[in-house]
Amino acid sequence: MKVYVSAIITSKPEFQNEVKEALLELVKATEKEEACIQYDLHQDLDDGNRFLFYEIWEDQEGLDKHNGQPHIKAFQNIVEGKLMGPVEVYKATKL
């Protein structure tokens, strides 16, 4: 069963460009994953520090594998201390 994910990442204002670059690199690496159907990154029009992912994964196993990838760990290391808070992740199924 496909898994639909929305994730919200909010950078501290002084790190907006650095976080954005790291997110764009994350997109490049993630789009190569076999279970990734869609992995779209958006930047909020009202708050440029807020980034939103809309993701579709083949199944939970593929998403779990994604979360253990080296590029996810690298991203976490790059943005450590540069975000306003934890990444908000919402998983859903399509109705």
PDB file of N, CA and C in Angstrom:
ATOM      1  N   MET A   1       0.832  -1.176   0.000  1.00  0.00           N
ATOM      2  CA  MET A   1       0.000   0.000   0.000  1.00  0.00           C
ATOM      3  C   MET A   1       0.884   1.249   0.000  1.00  0.00           C
ATOM      4  N   LYS A   2       0.563   2.203  -0.854  1.00  0.00           N
ATOM      5  CA  LYS A   2       1.329   3.441  -0.940  1.00  0.00           C
ATOM      6  C   LYS A   2       1.206   4.250   0.343  1.00  0.00           C
ATOM      7  N   VAL A   3       2.291   4.968   0.667  1.00  0.00           N
ATOM      8  CA  VAL A   3       2.319   5.835   1.832  1.00  0.00           C
ATOM      9  C   VAL A   3       2.540   7.265   1.345  1.00  0.00           C
ATOM     10  N   TYR A   4       1.689   8.159   1.811  1.00  0.00           N
ATOM     11  CA  TYR A   4       1.759   9.576   1.452  1.00  0.00           C
ATOM     12  C   TYR A   4       2.292  10.330   2.659  1.00  0.00           C
ATOM     13  N   VAL A   5       3.296  11.160   2.431  1.00  0.00           N
ATOM     14  CA  VAL A   5       3.960  11.858   3.528  1.00  0.00           C
ATOM     15  C   VAL A   5       3.980  13.353   3.237  1.00  0.00           C
ATOM     16  N   SER A   6       3.673  14.122   4.268  1.00  0.00           N
ATOM     17  CA  SER A   6       3.893  15.564   4.249  1.00  0.00           C
ATOM     18  C   SER A   6       4.867  15.854   5.383  1.00  0.00           C
ATOM     19  N   ALA A   7       5.898  16.602   5.085  1.00  0.00           N
ATOM     20  CA  ALA A   7       6.890  16.940   6.104  1.00  0.00           C
ATOM     21  C   ALA A   7       7.138  18.445   6.062  1.00  0.00           C
ATOM     22  N   ILE A   8       7.225  19.037   7.237  1.00  0.00           N
ATOM     23  CA  ILE A   8       7.455  20.475   7.349  1.00  0.00           C
ATOM     24  C   ILE A   8       8.762  20.692   8.092  1.00  0.00           C
ATOM     25  N   ILE A   9       9.645  21.456   7.463  1.00  0.00           N
ATOM     26  CA  ILE A   9      10.955  21.778   8.025  1.00  0.00           C
ATOM     27  C   ILE A   9      11.039  23.292   8.100  1.00  0.00           C
ATOM     28  N   THR A  10      11.350  23.829   9.277  1.00  0.00           N
ATOM     29  CA  THR A  10      11.465  25.275   9.422  1.00  0.00           C
ATOM     30  C   THR A  10      12.868  25.623   9.884  1.00  0.00           C
ATOM     31  N   SER A  11      13.568  26.378   9.064  1.00  0.00           N
ATOM     32  CA  SER A  11      14.942  26.764   9.385  1.00  0.00           C
ATOM     33  C   SER A  11      14.950  28.015  10.258  1.00  0.00           C
ATOM     34  N   LYS A  12      16.002  28.163  11.000  1.00  0.00           N
ATOM     35  CA  LYS A  12      16.243  29.443  11.663  1.00  0.00           C
ATOM     36  C   LYS A  12      16.568  30.433  10.548  1.00  0.00           C
ATOM     37  N   PRO A  13      16.101  31.671  10.663  1.00  0.00           N
ATOM     38  CA  PRO A  13      16.277  32.636   9.565  1.00  0.00           C
ATOM     39  C   PRO A  13      17.713  32.776   9.068  1.00  0.00           C
ATOM     40  N   GLU A  14      18.660  32.755   9.963  1.00  0.00           N
ATOM     41  CA  GLU A  14      20.053  32.955   9.558  1.00  0.00           C
ATOM     42  C   GLU A  14      20.633  31.762   8.795  1.00  0.00           C
ATOM     43  N   PHE A  15      19.913  30.635   8.800  1.00  0.00           N
ATOM     44  CA  PHE A  15      20.392  29.433   8.106  1.00  0.00           C
ATOM     45  C   PHE A  15      19.505  29.044   6.926  1.00  0.00           C
ATOM     46  N   GLN A  16      18.599  29.922   6.520  1.00  0.00           N
ATOM     47  CA  GLN A  16      17.639  29.583   5.471  1.00  0.00           C
ATOM     48  C   GLN A  16      18.312  29.061   4.207  1.00  0.00           C
ATOM     49  N   ASN A  17      19.298  29.774   3.691  1.00  0.00           N
ATOM     50  CA  ASN A  17      19.946  29.360   2.444  1.00  0.00           C
ATOM     51  C   ASN A  17      20.690  28.033   2.598  1.00  0.00           C
ATOM     52  N   GLU A  18      21.353  27.849   3.713  1.00  0.00           N
ATOM     53  CA  GLU A  18      22.099  26.612   3.954  1.00  0.00           C
ATOM     54  C   GLU A  18      21.151  25.410   4.050  1.00  0.00           C
ATOM     55  N   VAL A  19      20.036  25.596   4.756  1.00  0.00           N
ATOM     56  CA  VAL A  19      19.048  24.521   4.884  1.00  0.00           C
ATOM     57  C   VAL A  19      18.426  24.235   3.519  1.00  0.00           C
ATOM     58  N   LYS A  20      18.109  25.274   2.769  1.00  0.00           N
ATOM     59  CA  LYS A  20      17.519  25.096   1.440  1.00  0.00           C
ATOM     60  C   LYS A  20      18.459  24.294   0.533  1.00  0.00           C
ATOM     61  N   GLU A  21      19.730  24.621   0.536  1.00  0.00           N
ATOM     62  CA  GLU A  21      20.708  23.883  -0.276  1.00  0.00           C
ATOM     63  C   GLU A  21      20.766  22.417   0.134  1.00  0.00           C
ATOM     64  N   ALA A  22      20.756  22.168   1.440  1.00  0.00           N
ATOM     65  CA  ALA A  22      20.796  20.790   1.938  1.00  0.00           C
ATOM     66  C   ALA A  22      19.539  20.027   1.518  1.00  0.00           C
ATOM     67  N   LEU A  23      18.391  20.701   1.546  1.00  0.00           N
ATOM     68  CA  LEU A  23      17.142  20.067   1.124  1.00  0.00           C
ATOM     69  C   LEU A  23      17.161  19.736  -0.369  1.00  0.00           C
ATOM     70  N   LEU A  24      17.678  20.636  -1.166  1.00  0.00           N
ATOM     71  CA  LEU A  24      17.756  20.391  -2.610  1.00  0.00           C
ATOM     72  C   LEU A  24      18.665  19.204  -2.923  1.00  0.00           C
ATOM     73  N   GLU A  25      19.757  19.069  -2.176  1.00  0.00           N
ATOM     74  CA  GLU A  25      20.641  17.911  -2.341  1.00  0.00           C
ATOM     75  C   GLU A  25      19.925  16.629  -1.915  1.00  0.00           C
ATOM     76  N   LEU A  26      19.130  16.734  -0.862  1.00  0.00           N
ATOM     77  CA  LEU A  26      18.359  15.589  -0.386  1.00  0.00           C
ATOM     78  C   LEU A  26      17.383  15.121  -1.463  1.00  0.00           C
ATOM     79  N   VAL A  27      16.763  16.055  -2.158  1.00  0.00           N
ATOM     80  CA  VAL A  27      15.836  15.714  -3.239  1.00  0.00           C
ATOM     81  C   VAL A  27      16.565  14.931  -4.332  1.00  0.00           C
ATOM     82  N   LYS A  28      17.718  15.411  -4.743  1.00  0.00           N
ATOM     83  CA  LYS A  28      18.480  14.742  -5.809  1.00  0.00           C
ATOM     84  C   LYS A  28      18.773  13.281  -5.451  1.00  0.00           C
ATOM     85  N   ALA A  29      19.198  13.059  -4.233  1.00  0.00           N
ATOM     86  CA  ALA A  29      19.549  11.704  -3.804  1.00  0.00           C
ATOM     87  C   ALA A  29      18.308  10.837  -3.638  1.00  0.00           C
ATOM     88  N   THR A  30      17.260  11.395  -3.074  1.00  0.00           N
ATOM     89  CA  THR A  30      16.060  10.616  -2.776  1.00  0.00           C
ATOM     90  C   THR A  30      15.321  10.199  -4.031  1.00  0.00           C
ATOM     91  N   GLU A  31      15.301  11.048  -5.032  1.00  0.00           N
ATOM     92  CA  GLU A  31      14.583  10.717  -6.266  1.00  0.00           C
ATOM     93  C   GLU A  31      15.156   9.482  -6.961  1.00  0.00           C
ATOM     94  N   LYS A  32      16.360   9.081  -6.603  1.00  0.00           N
ATOM     95  CA  LYS A  32      16.989   7.896  -7.179  1.00  0.00           C
ATOM     96  C   LYS A  32      16.571   6.605  -6.470  1.00  0.00           C
ATOM     97  N   GLU A  33      15.894   6.743  -5.327  1.00  0.00           N
ATOM     98  CA  GLU A  33      15.495   5.560  -4.565  1.00  0.00           C
ATOM     99  C   GLU A  33      14.374   4.815  -5.278  1.00  0.00           C
ATOM    100  N   GLU A  34      14.467   3.510  -5.282  1.00  0.00           N
ATOM    101  CA  GLU A  34      13.527   2.661  -6.010  1.00  0.00           C
ATOM    102  C   GLU A  34      12.076   2.836  -5.537  1.00  0.00           C
ATOM    103  N   ALA A  35      11.864   2.977  -4.254  1.00  0.00           N
ATOM    104  CA  ALA A  35      10.498   3.052  -3.714  1.00  0.00           C
ATOM    105  C   ALA A  35       9.893   4.455  -3.784  1.00  0.00           C
ATOM    106  N   CYS A  36      10.675   5.427  -4.208  1.00  0.00           N
ATOM    107  CA  CYS A  36      10.210   6.813  -4.267  1.00  0.00           C
ATOM    108  C   CYS A  36       9.394   7.035  -5.541  1.00  0.00           C
ATOM    109  N   ILE A  37       8.139   7.376  -5.365  1.00  0.00           N
ATOM    110  CA  ILE A  37       7.267   7.695  -6.498  1.00  0.00           C
ATOM    111  C   ILE A  37       7.281   9.199  -6.747  1.00  0.00           C
ATOM    112  N   GLN A  38       7.212   9.962  -5.674  1.00  0.00           N
ATOM    113  CA  GLN A  38       7.201  11.426  -5.788  1.00  0.00           C
ATOM    114  C   GLN A  38       7.862  12.013  -4.550  1.00  0.00           C
ATOM    115  N   TYR A  39       8.645  13.073  -4.751  1.00  0.00           N
ATOM    116  CA  TYR A  39       9.370  13.697  -3.641  1.00  0.00           C
ATOM    117  C   TYR A  39       9.528  15.173  -3.986  1.00  0.00           C
ATOM    118  N   ASP A  40       8.483  15.943  -3.713  1.00  0.00           N
ATOM    119  CA  ASP A  40       8.442  17.352  -4.100  1.00  0.00           C
ATOM    120  C   ASP A  40       8.737  18.253  -2.918  1.00  0.00           C
ATOM    121  N   LEU A  41       9.625  19.196  -3.143  1.00  0.00           N
ATOM    122  CA  LEU A  41       9.986  20.184  -2.129  1.00  0.00           C
ATOM    123  C   LEU A  41       9.367  21.527  -2.496  1.00  0.00           C
ATOM    124  N   HIS A  42       8.785  22.188  -1.489  1.00  0.00           N
ATOM    125  CA  HIS A  42       8.160  23.497  -1.677  1.00  0.00           C
ATOM    126  C   HIS A  42       8.695  24.454  -0.616  1.00  0.00           C
ATOM    127  N   GLN A  43       8.695  25.751  -0.953  1.00  0.00           N
ATOM    128  CA  GLN A  43       9.071  26.779   0.008  1.00  0.00           C
ATOM    129  C   GLN A  43       7.849  27.664   0.228  1.00  0.00           C
ATOM    130  N   ASP A  44       7.506  27.893   1.471  1.00  0.00           N
ATOM    131  CA  ASP A  44       6.335  28.682   1.848  1.00  0.00           C
ATOM    132  C   ASP A  44       6.453  30.110   1.308  1.00  0.00           C
ATOM    133  N   LEU A  45       5.387  30.600   0.695  1.00  0.00           N
ATOM    134  CA  LEU A  45       5.384  31.958   0.135  1.00  0.00           C
ATOM    135  C   LEU A  45       5.357  33.032   1.217  1.00  0.00           C
ATOM    136  N   ASP A  46       4.745  32.739   2.355  1.00  0.00           N
ATOM    137  CA  ASP A  46       4.635  33.726   3.434  1.00  0.00           C
ATOM    138  C   ASP A  46       5.793  33.676   4.418  1.00  0.00           C
ATOM    139  N   ASP A  47       6.425  32.534   4.518  1.00  0.00           N
ATOM    140  CA  ASP A  47       7.550  32.358   5.446  1.00  0.00           C
ATOM    141  C   ASP A  47       8.620  31.542   4.730  1.00  0.00           C
ATOM    142  N   GLY A  48       9.597  32.224   4.171  1.00  0.00           N
ATOM    143  CA  GLY A  48      10.649  31.568   3.402  1.00  0.00           C
ATOM    144  C   GLY A  48      11.498  30.594   4.195  1.00  0.00           C
ATOM    145  N   ASN A  49      11.367  30.615   5.519  1.00  0.00           N
ATOM    146  CA  ASN A  49      12.108  29.677   6.362  1.00  0.00           C
ATOM    147  C   ASN A  49      11.415  28.322   6.457  1.00  0.00           C
ATOM    148  N   ARG A  50      10.185  28.248   5.963  1.00  0.00           N
ATOM    149  CA  ARG A  50       9.404  27.019   6.058  1.00  0.00           C
ATOM    150  C   ARG A  50       9.421  26.282   4.720  1.00  0.00           C
ATOM    151  N   PHE A  51       9.806  25.010   4.792  1.00  0.00           N
ATOM    152  CA  PHE A  51       9.871  24.149   3.613  1.00  0.00           C
ATOM    153  C   PHE A  51       8.923  22.976   3.817  1.00  0.00           C
ATOM    154  N   LEU A  52       8.291  22.564   2.741  1.00  0.00           N
ATOM    155  CA  LEU A  52       7.324  21.479   2.822  1.00  0.00           C
ATOM    156  C   LEU A  52       7.648  20.411   1.787  1.00  0.00           C
ATOM    157  N   PHE A  53       7.628  19.174   2.227  1.00  0.00           N
ATOM    158  CA  PHE A  53       7.779  18.043   1.323  1.00  0.00           C
ATOM    159  C   PHE A  53       6.418  17.389   1.126  1.00  0.00           C
ATOM    160  N   TYR A  54       6.156  17.000  -0.109  1.00  0.00           N
ATOM    161  CA  TYR A  54       5.032  16.118  -0.405  1.00  0.00           C
ATOM    162  C   TYR A  54       5.656  14.885  -1.040  1.00  0.00           C
ATOM    163  N   GLU A  55       5.432  13.742  -0.419  1.00  0.00           N
ATOM    164  CA  GLU A  55       6.098  12.513  -0.837  1.00  0.00           C
ATOM    165  C   GLU A  55       5.087  11.395  -1.055  1.00  0.00           C
ATOM    166  N   ILE A  56       5.382  10.541  -2.017  1.00  0.00           N
ATOM    167  CA  ILE A  56       4.624   9.310  -2.197  1.00  0.00           C
ATOM    168  C   ILE A  56       5.637   8.167  -2.285  1.00  0.00           C
ATOM    169  N   TRP A  57       5.398   7.135  -1.479  1.00  0.00           N
ATOM    170  CA  TRP A  57       6.276   5.965  -1.410  1.00  0.00           C
ATOM    171  C   TRP A  57       5.496   4.714  -1.777  1.00  0.00           C
ATOM    172  N   GLU A  58       6.170   3.776  -2.402  1.00  0.00           N
ATOM    173  CA  GLU A  58       5.531   2.515  -2.804  1.00  0.00           C
ATOM    174  C   GLU A  58       4.875   1.823  -1.613  1.00  0.00           C
ATOM    175  N   ASP A  59       5.570   1.833  -0.471  1.00  0.00           N
ATOM    176  CA  ASP A  59       5.053   1.155   0.722  1.00  0.00           C
ATOM    177  C   ASP A  59       5.857   1.603   1.940  1.00  0.00           C
ATOM    178  N   GLN A  60       5.427   1.149   3.103  1.00  0.00           N
ATOM    179  CA  GLN A  60       6.107   1.522   4.350  1.00  0.00           C
ATOM    180  C   GLN A  60       7.542   1.013   4.372  1.00  0.00           C
ATOM    181  N   GLU A  61       7.763  -0.157   3.805  1.00  0.00           N
ATOM    182  CA  GLU A  61       9.120  -0.713   3.764  1.00  0.00           C
ATOM    183  C   GLU A  61      10.063   0.226   2.999  1.00  0.00           C
ATOM    184  N   GLY A  62       9.599   0.757   1.873  1.00  0.00           N
ATOM    185  CA  GLY A  62      10.410   1.697   1.102  1.00  0.00           C
ATOM    186  C   GLY A  62      10.688   2.980   1.865  1.00  0.00           C
ATOM    187  N   LEU A  63       9.682   3.460   2.582  1.00  0.00           N
ATOM    188  CA  LEU A  63       9.868   4.664   3.401  1.00  0.00           C
ATOM    189  C   LEU A  63      10.854   4.400   4.531  1.00  0.00           C
ATOM    190  N   ASP A  64      10.727   3.241   5.161  1.00  0.00           N
ATOM    191  CA  ASP A  64      11.658   2.880   6.234  1.00  0.00           C
ATOM    192  C   ASP A  64      13.091   2.811   5.703  1.00  0.00           C
ATOM    193  N   LYS A  65      13.249   2.229   4.528  1.00  0.00           N
ATOM    194  CA  LYS A  65      14.579   2.139   3.922  1.00  0.00           C
ATOM    195  C   LYS A  65      15.123   3.546   3.639  1.00  0.00           C
ATOM    196  N   HIS A  66      14.260   4.421   3.123  1.00  0.00           N
ATOM    197  CA  HIS A  66      14.642   5.817   2.862  1.00  0.00           C
ATOM    198  C   HIS A  66      15.174   6.474   4.135  1.00  0.00           C
ATOM    199  N   ASN A  67      14.458   6.284   5.233  1.00  0.00           N
ATOM    200  CA  ASN A  67      14.835   6.942   6.485  1.00  0.00           C
ATOM    201  C   ASN A  67      16.175   6.462   7.034  1.00  0.00           C
ATOM    202  N   GLY A  68      16.665   5.336   6.539  1.00  0.00           N
ATOM    203  CA  GLY A  68      17.964   4.829   6.975  1.00  0.00           C
ATOM    204  C   GLY A  68      19.097   5.100   5.990  1.00  0.00           C
ATOM    205  N   GLN A  69      18.796   5.810   4.910  1.00  0.00           N
ATOM    206  CA  GLN A  69      19.801   6.075   3.868  1.00  0.00           C
ATOM    207  C   GLN A  69      20.897   7.032   4.369  1.00  0.00           C
ATOM    208  N   PRO A  70      22.099   6.890   3.849  1.00  0.00           N
ATOM    209  CA  PRO A  70      23.193   7.791   4.229  1.00  0.00           C
ATOM    210  C   PRO A  70      22.881   9.265   3.943  1.00  0.00           C
ATOM    211  N   HIS A  71      22.143   9.555   2.864  1.00  0.00           N
ATOM    212  CA  HIS A  71      21.855  10.967   2.570  1.00  0.00           C
ATOM    213  C   HIS A  71      20.884  11.575   3.590  1.00  0.00           C
ATOM    214  N   ILE A  72      20.057  10.754   4.225  1.00  0.00           N
ATOM    215  CA  ILE A  72      19.191  11.262   5.300  1.00  0.00           C
ATOM    216  C   ILE A  72      20.041  11.587   6.519  1.00  0.00           C
ATOM    217  N   LYS A  73      20.941  10.701   6.861  1.00  0.00           N
ATOM    218  CA  LYS A  73      21.823  10.933   8.009  1.00  0.00           C
ATOM    219  C   LYS A  73      22.716  12.156   7.762  1.00  0.00           C
ATOM    220  N   ALA A  74      23.223  12.310   6.548  1.00  0.00           N
ATOM    221  CA  ALA A  74      24.059  13.465   6.208  1.00  0.00           C
ATOM    222  C   ALA A  74      23.250  14.755   6.338  1.00  0.00           C
ATOM    223  N   PHE A  75      22.014  14.741   5.846  1.00  0.00           N
ATOM    224  CA  PHE A  75      21.153  15.914   5.967  1.00  0.00           C
ATOM    225  C   PHE A  75      20.943  16.270   7.438  1.00  0.00           C
ATOM    226  N   GLN A  76      20.663  15.280   8.256  1.00  0.00           N
ATOM    227  CA  GLN A  76      20.441  15.528   9.683  1.00  0.00           C
ATOM    228  C   GLN A  76      21.674  16.161  10.325  1.00  0.00           C
ATOM    229  N   ASN A  77      22.854  15.706   9.932  1.00  0.00           N
ATOM    230  CA  ASN A  77      24.084  16.282  10.479  1.00  0.00           C
ATOM    231  C   ASN A  77      24.282  17.726  10.018  1.00  0.00           C
ATOM    232  N   ILE A  78      23.975  17.992   8.751  1.00  0.00           N
ATOM    233  CA  ILE A  78      24.155  19.343   8.197  1.00  0.00           C
ATOM    234  C   ILE A  78      23.248  20.348   8.880  1.00  0.00           C
ATOM    235  N   VAL A  79      21.995  19.969   9.139  1.00  0.00           N
ATOM    236  CA  VAL A  79      21.023  20.932   9.675  1.00  0.00           C
ATOM    237  C   VAL A  79      20.936  20.945  11.198  1.00  0.00           C
ATOM    238  N   GLU A  80      21.719  20.115  11.846  1.00  0.00           N
ATOM    239  CA  GLU A  80      21.678  20.084  13.308  1.00  0.00           C
ATOM    240  C   GLU A  80      21.933  21.486  13.880  1.00  0.00           C
ATOM    241  N   GLY A  81      21.005  21.961  14.695  1.00  0.00           N
ATOM    242  CA  GLY A  81      21.115  23.282  15.313  1.00  0.00           C
ATOM    243  C   GLY A  81      20.668  24.421  14.411  1.00  0.00           C
ATOM    244  N   LYS A  82      20.230  24.111  13.206  1.00  0.00           N
ATOM    245  CA  LYS A  82      19.852  25.149  12.237  1.00  0.00           C
ATOM    246  C   LYS A  82      18.346  25.214  11.990  1.00  0.00           C
ATOM    247  N   LEU A  83      17.603  24.351  12.675  1.00  0.00           N
ATOM    248  CA  LEU A  83      16.156  24.319  12.515  1.00  0.00           C
ATOM    249  C   LEU A  83      15.477  24.915  13.744  1.00  0.00           C
ATOM    250  N   MET A  84      14.272  25.446  13.523  1.00  0.00           N
ATOM    251  CA  MET A  84      13.501  26.033  14.623  1.00  0.00           C
ATOM    252  C   MET A  84      12.995  24.972  15.592  1.00  0.00           C
ATOM    253  N   GLY A  85      12.853  23.766  15.119  1.00  0.00           N
ATOM    254  CA  GLY A  85      12.356  22.668  15.942  1.00  0.00           C
ATOM    255  C   GLY A  85      12.452  21.383  15.158  1.00  0.00           C
ATOM    256  N   PRO A  86      11.878  20.320  15.697  1.00  0.00           N
ATOM    257  CA  PRO A  86      11.937  19.043  14.981  1.00  0.00           C
ATOM    258  C   PRO A  86      11.133  19.090  13.683  1.00  0.00           C
ATOM    259  N   VAL A  87      11.502  18.242  12.754  1.00  0.00           N
ATOM    260  CA  VAL A  87      10.775  18.107  11.498  1.00  0.00           C
ATOM    261  C   VAL A  87       9.406  17.504  11.831  1.00  0.00           C
ATOM    262  N   GLU A  88       8.349  18.115  11.296  1.00  0.00           N
ATOM    263  CA  GLU A  88       6.999  17.603  11.480  1.00  0.00           C
ATOM    264  C   GLU A  88       6.690  16.662  10.328  1.00  0.00           C
ATOM    265  N   VAL A  89       6.332  15.425  10.632  1.00  0.00           N
ATOM    266  CA  VAL A  89       6.069  14.426   9.594  1.00  0.00           C
ATOM    267  C   VAL A  89       4.664  13.872   9.799  1.00  0.00           C
ATOM    268  N   TYR A  90       3.905  13.861   8.704  1.00  0.00           N
ATOM    269  CA  TYR A  90       2.549  13.342   8.708  1.00  0.00           C
ATOM    270  C   TYR A  90       2.442  12.276   7.631  1.00  0.00           C
ATOM    271  N   LYS A  91       2.082  11.059   8.046  1.00  0.00           N
ATOM    272  CA  LYS A  91       1.903   9.962   7.097  1.00  0.00           C
ATOM    273  C   LYS A  91       0.409   9.722   6.927  1.00  0.00           C
ATOM    274  N   ALA A  92       0.033   9.393   5.683  1.00  0.00           N
ATOM    275  CA  ALA A  92      -1.395   9.202   5.420  1.00  0.00           C
ATOM    276  C   ALA A  92      -1.593   8.161   4.336  1.00  0.00           C
ATOM    277  N   THR A  93      -2.836   7.809   4.171  1.00  0.00           N
ATOM    278  CA  THR A  93      -3.255   6.977   3.063  1.00  0.00           C
ATOM    279  C   THR A  93      -4.259   7.777   2.243  1.00  0.00           C
ATOM    280  N   LYS A  94      -4.283   7.541   0.970  1.00  0.00           N
ATOM    281  CA  LYS A  94      -5.181   8.289   0.089  1.00  0.00           C
ATOM    282  C   LYS A  94      -6.589   7.714   0.179  1.00  0.00           C
ATOM    283  N   LEU A  95      -7.548   8.583   0.317  1.00  0.00           N
ATOM    284  CA  LEU A  95      -8.953   8.163   0.397  1.00  0.00           C
ATOM    285  C   LEU A  95      -9.607   8.227  -0.962  1.00  0.00           C
TER     286      LEU A  95
END
